[in-house]
N, C-alpha and C. Protein backbone atom coordinates (compact mmCIF):
# COMPACT_ATOMS: atom_id res chain seq x y z
N PRO A 1 -69.62 -27.38 -30.10
CA PRO A 1 -68.69 -28.37 -30.83
C PRO A 1 -67.83 -28.74 -30.86
N ALA A 2 -66.69 -29.60 -30.63
CA ALA A 2 -65.73 -29.91 -31.10
C ALA A 2 -64.85 -29.35 -32.01
N VAL A 3 -65.21 -29.32 -33.36
CA VAL A 3 -64.95 -28.66 -34.29
C VAL A 3 -65.98 -27.51 -35.05
N ASN A 4 -65.35 -26.24 -35.01
CA ASN A 4 -66.02 -25.52 -35.42
C ASN A 4 -65.31 -24.68 -36.92
N THR A 5 -66.42 -24.63 -37.70
CA THR A 5 -66.64 -24.82 -39.01
C THR A 5 -66.47 -23.53 -40.40
N GLN A 6 -66.93 -23.14 -39.01
CA GLN A 6 -67.19 -21.23 -39.36
C GLN A 6 -65.78 -20.59 -39.01
N LEU A 7 -65.03 -20.11 -40.12
CA LEU A 7 -63.69 -19.92 -39.01
C LEU A 7 -63.59 -17.87 -39.91
N PRO A 8 -63.19 -17.15 -39.23
CA PRO A 8 -62.95 -15.97 -40.15
C PRO A 8 -62.49 -16.08 -41.00
N ALA A 9 -62.66 -15.29 -42.20
CA ALA A 9 -62.12 -15.55 -43.30
C ALA A 9 -60.48 -14.87 -43.32
N ASP A 10 -59.66 -14.16 -42.18
CA ASP A 10 -58.60 -13.99 -42.31
C ASP A 10 -57.73 -15.15 -41.59
N SER A 11 -58.09 -16.16 -40.91
CA SER A 11 -57.60 -17.03 -40.44
C SER A 11 -56.52 -17.56 -41.23
N PRO A 12 -55.60 -18.09 -40.44
CA PRO A 12 -54.43 -18.59 -41.40
C PRO A 12 -54.93 -20.29 -42.26
N SER A 13 -54.14 -20.52 -42.86
CA SER A 13 -54.58 -22.35 -43.46
C SER A 13 -53.97 -23.19 -42.30
N TRP A 14 -54.30 -24.27 -42.42
CA TRP A 14 -54.02 -25.80 -41.30
C TRP A 14 -53.59 -26.52 -42.46
N PHE A 15 -53.30 -26.26 -43.94
CA PHE A 15 -52.57 -27.12 -44.92
C PHE A 15 -50.96 -27.26 -44.25
N PRO A 16 -50.02 -25.82 -44.08
CA PRO A 16 -48.78 -26.30 -43.79
C PRO A 16 -48.42 -26.43 -42.43
N LEU A 17 -49.58 -26.85 -41.72
CA LEU A 17 -49.15 -26.78 -40.16
C LEU A 17 -49.39 -28.27 -39.83
N LEU A 18 -49.70 -28.94 -41.34
CA LEU A 18 -49.99 -29.94 -41.24
C LEU A 18 -48.29 -30.76 -41.82
N PHE A 19 -47.75 -30.39 -42.96
CA PHE A 19 -46.35 -31.09 -43.11
C PHE A 19 -45.43 -30.78 -41.74
N ILE A 20 -45.64 -29.81 -41.20
CA ILE A 20 -44.74 -29.36 -40.36
C ILE A 20 -44.62 -30.48 -39.19
N THR A 21 -46.17 -30.49 -38.83
CA THR A 21 -46.37 -31.46 -37.34
C THR A 21 -45.62 -32.97 -38.37
N ILE A 22 -45.75 -33.51 -39.52
CA ILE A 22 -45.66 -34.35 -39.39
C ILE A 22 -44.26 -34.75 -39.66
N ALA A 23 -43.23 -33.79 -40.33
CA ALA A 23 -41.97 -33.47 -40.57
C ALA A 23 -41.44 -33.36 -39.03
N CYS A 24 -41.45 -32.76 -37.98
CA CYS A 24 -40.91 -32.89 -36.66
C CYS A 24 -41.43 -34.22 -35.75
N GLY A 25 -41.91 -34.93 -36.30
CA GLY A 25 -42.84 -36.48 -35.73
C GLY A 25 -41.74 -37.18 -36.44
N ALA A 26 -41.48 -37.51 -37.89
CA ALA A 26 -40.25 -37.77 -38.43
C ALA A 26 -38.76 -38.03 -37.67
N ILE A 27 -38.71 -36.40 -37.84
CA ILE A 27 -37.26 -36.24 -37.17
C ILE A 27 -36.85 -36.58 -35.54
N SER A 28 -38.06 -36.30 -34.89
CA SER A 28 -37.59 -37.25 -33.26
C SER A 28 -38.34 -38.76 -33.62
N GLY A 29 -39.12 -39.07 -34.45
CA GLY A 29 -38.76 -40.78 -34.82
C GLY A 29 -36.98 -40.99 -34.95
N PHE A 30 -37.10 -40.41 -36.11
CA PHE A 30 -35.22 -41.21 -36.47
C PHE A 30 -34.38 -40.05 -35.12
N HIS A 31 -34.67 -39.69 -34.64
CA HIS A 31 -33.04 -39.36 -33.61
C HIS A 31 -33.24 -40.25 -32.45
N GLY A 32 -34.98 -40.46 -32.17
CA GLY A 32 -34.74 -41.90 -31.46
C GLY A 32 -34.31 -43.21 -31.74
N LEU A 33 -34.55 -43.50 -33.14
CA LEU A 33 -33.85 -44.84 -33.71
C LEU A 33 -32.26 -44.36 -34.06
N VAL A 34 -31.38 -43.22 -33.93
CA VAL A 34 -30.22 -43.20 -34.35
C VAL A 34 -29.71 -43.24 -32.58
N ALA A 35 -30.20 -42.49 -31.56
CA ALA A 35 -29.95 -42.07 -30.55
C ALA A 35 -29.85 -43.24 -29.96
N SER A 36 -30.83 -44.27 -30.14
CA SER A 36 -30.70 -45.51 -29.07
C SER A 36 -29.80 -46.39 -29.10
N GLY A 37 -29.25 -46.99 -30.38
CA GLY A 37 -27.72 -47.32 -30.50
C GLY A 37 -26.86 -46.98 -29.63
N THR A 38 -26.66 -45.86 -29.95
CA THR A 38 -25.29 -44.98 -28.74
C THR A 38 -25.50 -45.04 -27.50
N THR A 39 -26.25 -44.18 -27.10
CA THR A 39 -26.89 -44.56 -25.82
C THR A 39 -26.55 -46.10 -24.73
N SER A 40 -27.06 -46.81 -25.21
CA SER A 40 -27.02 -48.00 -25.05
C SER A 40 -25.33 -48.59 -24.45
N LYS A 41 -24.58 -48.21 -25.73
CA LYS A 41 -23.26 -48.63 -25.61
C LYS A 41 -22.17 -47.11 -24.46
N GLN A 42 -23.03 -46.18 -23.75
CA GLN A 42 -23.05 -45.63 -22.80
C GLN A 42 -23.05 -45.84 -21.57
N LEU A 43 -24.34 -46.72 -21.38
CA LEU A 43 -24.40 -46.88 -20.07
C LEU A 43 -23.92 -48.19 -19.52
N ASP A 44 -23.51 -47.31 -17.88
CA ASP A 44 -22.84 -48.71 -17.33
C ASP A 44 -24.13 -49.52 -16.88
N ARG A 45 -24.98 -49.37 -16.35
CA ARG A 45 -26.03 -50.46 -15.97
C ARG A 45 -27.16 -50.24 -16.48
N GLU A 46 -27.91 -51.55 -17.29
CA GLU A 46 -29.26 -51.61 -17.94
C GLU A 46 -30.28 -50.78 -16.81
N THR A 47 -30.17 -50.71 -15.80
CA THR A 47 -30.91 -50.00 -15.35
C THR A 47 -31.40 -48.17 -15.35
N ASP A 48 -30.09 -47.76 -15.58
CA ASP A 48 -29.95 -46.38 -15.93
C ASP A 48 -31.02 -46.39 -17.00
N ALA A 49 -30.94 -47.26 -17.89
CA ALA A 49 -31.62 -46.75 -18.80
C ALA A 49 -32.60 -46.02 -18.77
N ARG A 50 -33.57 -46.85 -17.83
CA ARG A 50 -35.22 -46.12 -18.05
C ARG A 50 -34.67 -44.09 -17.46
N TYR A 51 -33.98 -43.76 -16.41
CA TYR A 51 -33.67 -42.46 -16.04
C TYR A 51 -33.16 -41.99 -17.68
N VAL A 52 -32.45 -42.38 -18.15
CA VAL A 52 -31.54 -41.61 -19.39
C VAL A 52 -32.94 -41.30 -20.18
N GLY A 53 -33.97 -42.40 -21.12
CA GLY A 53 -34.63 -42.11 -21.91
C GLY A 53 -35.74 -41.67 -21.12
N TYR A 54 -36.04 -41.36 -20.30
CA TYR A 54 -37.15 -40.35 -19.80
C TYR A 54 -36.56 -38.68 -19.71
N GLY A 55 -35.74 -38.45 -19.03
CA GLY A 55 -34.97 -37.49 -19.02
C GLY A 55 -34.73 -37.19 -21.05
N GLY A 56 -34.33 -37.93 -21.92
CA GLY A 56 -34.49 -37.53 -23.29
C GLY A 56 -35.24 -37.02 -23.87
N MET A 57 -36.72 -37.76 -23.07
CA MET A 57 -38.27 -37.63 -24.17
C MET A 57 -38.30 -36.32 -23.37
N ILE A 58 -38.30 -35.83 -22.17
CA ILE A 58 -38.45 -34.87 -21.59
C ILE A 58 -37.97 -33.49 -21.81
N GLY A 59 -36.68 -33.81 -22.14
CA GLY A 59 -35.87 -32.68 -23.03
C GLY A 59 -36.13 -32.38 -24.40
N GLU A 60 -36.55 -33.21 -25.41
CA GLU A 60 -36.97 -33.17 -26.75
C GLU A 60 -38.33 -32.71 -26.75
């Protein structure tokens, strides 16, 4: 099955991982929001935005 509910007793809890995942997504989204205003001012041509944005997402 896709989900195995019979985990060993010494397995770590998933609860802290949930908060870490949400926090990392929030930080990534905030960084994308802030960086979008400054990156657009640094580009010479609008066509360069695709390469810069793709490289930024791969780097992150």
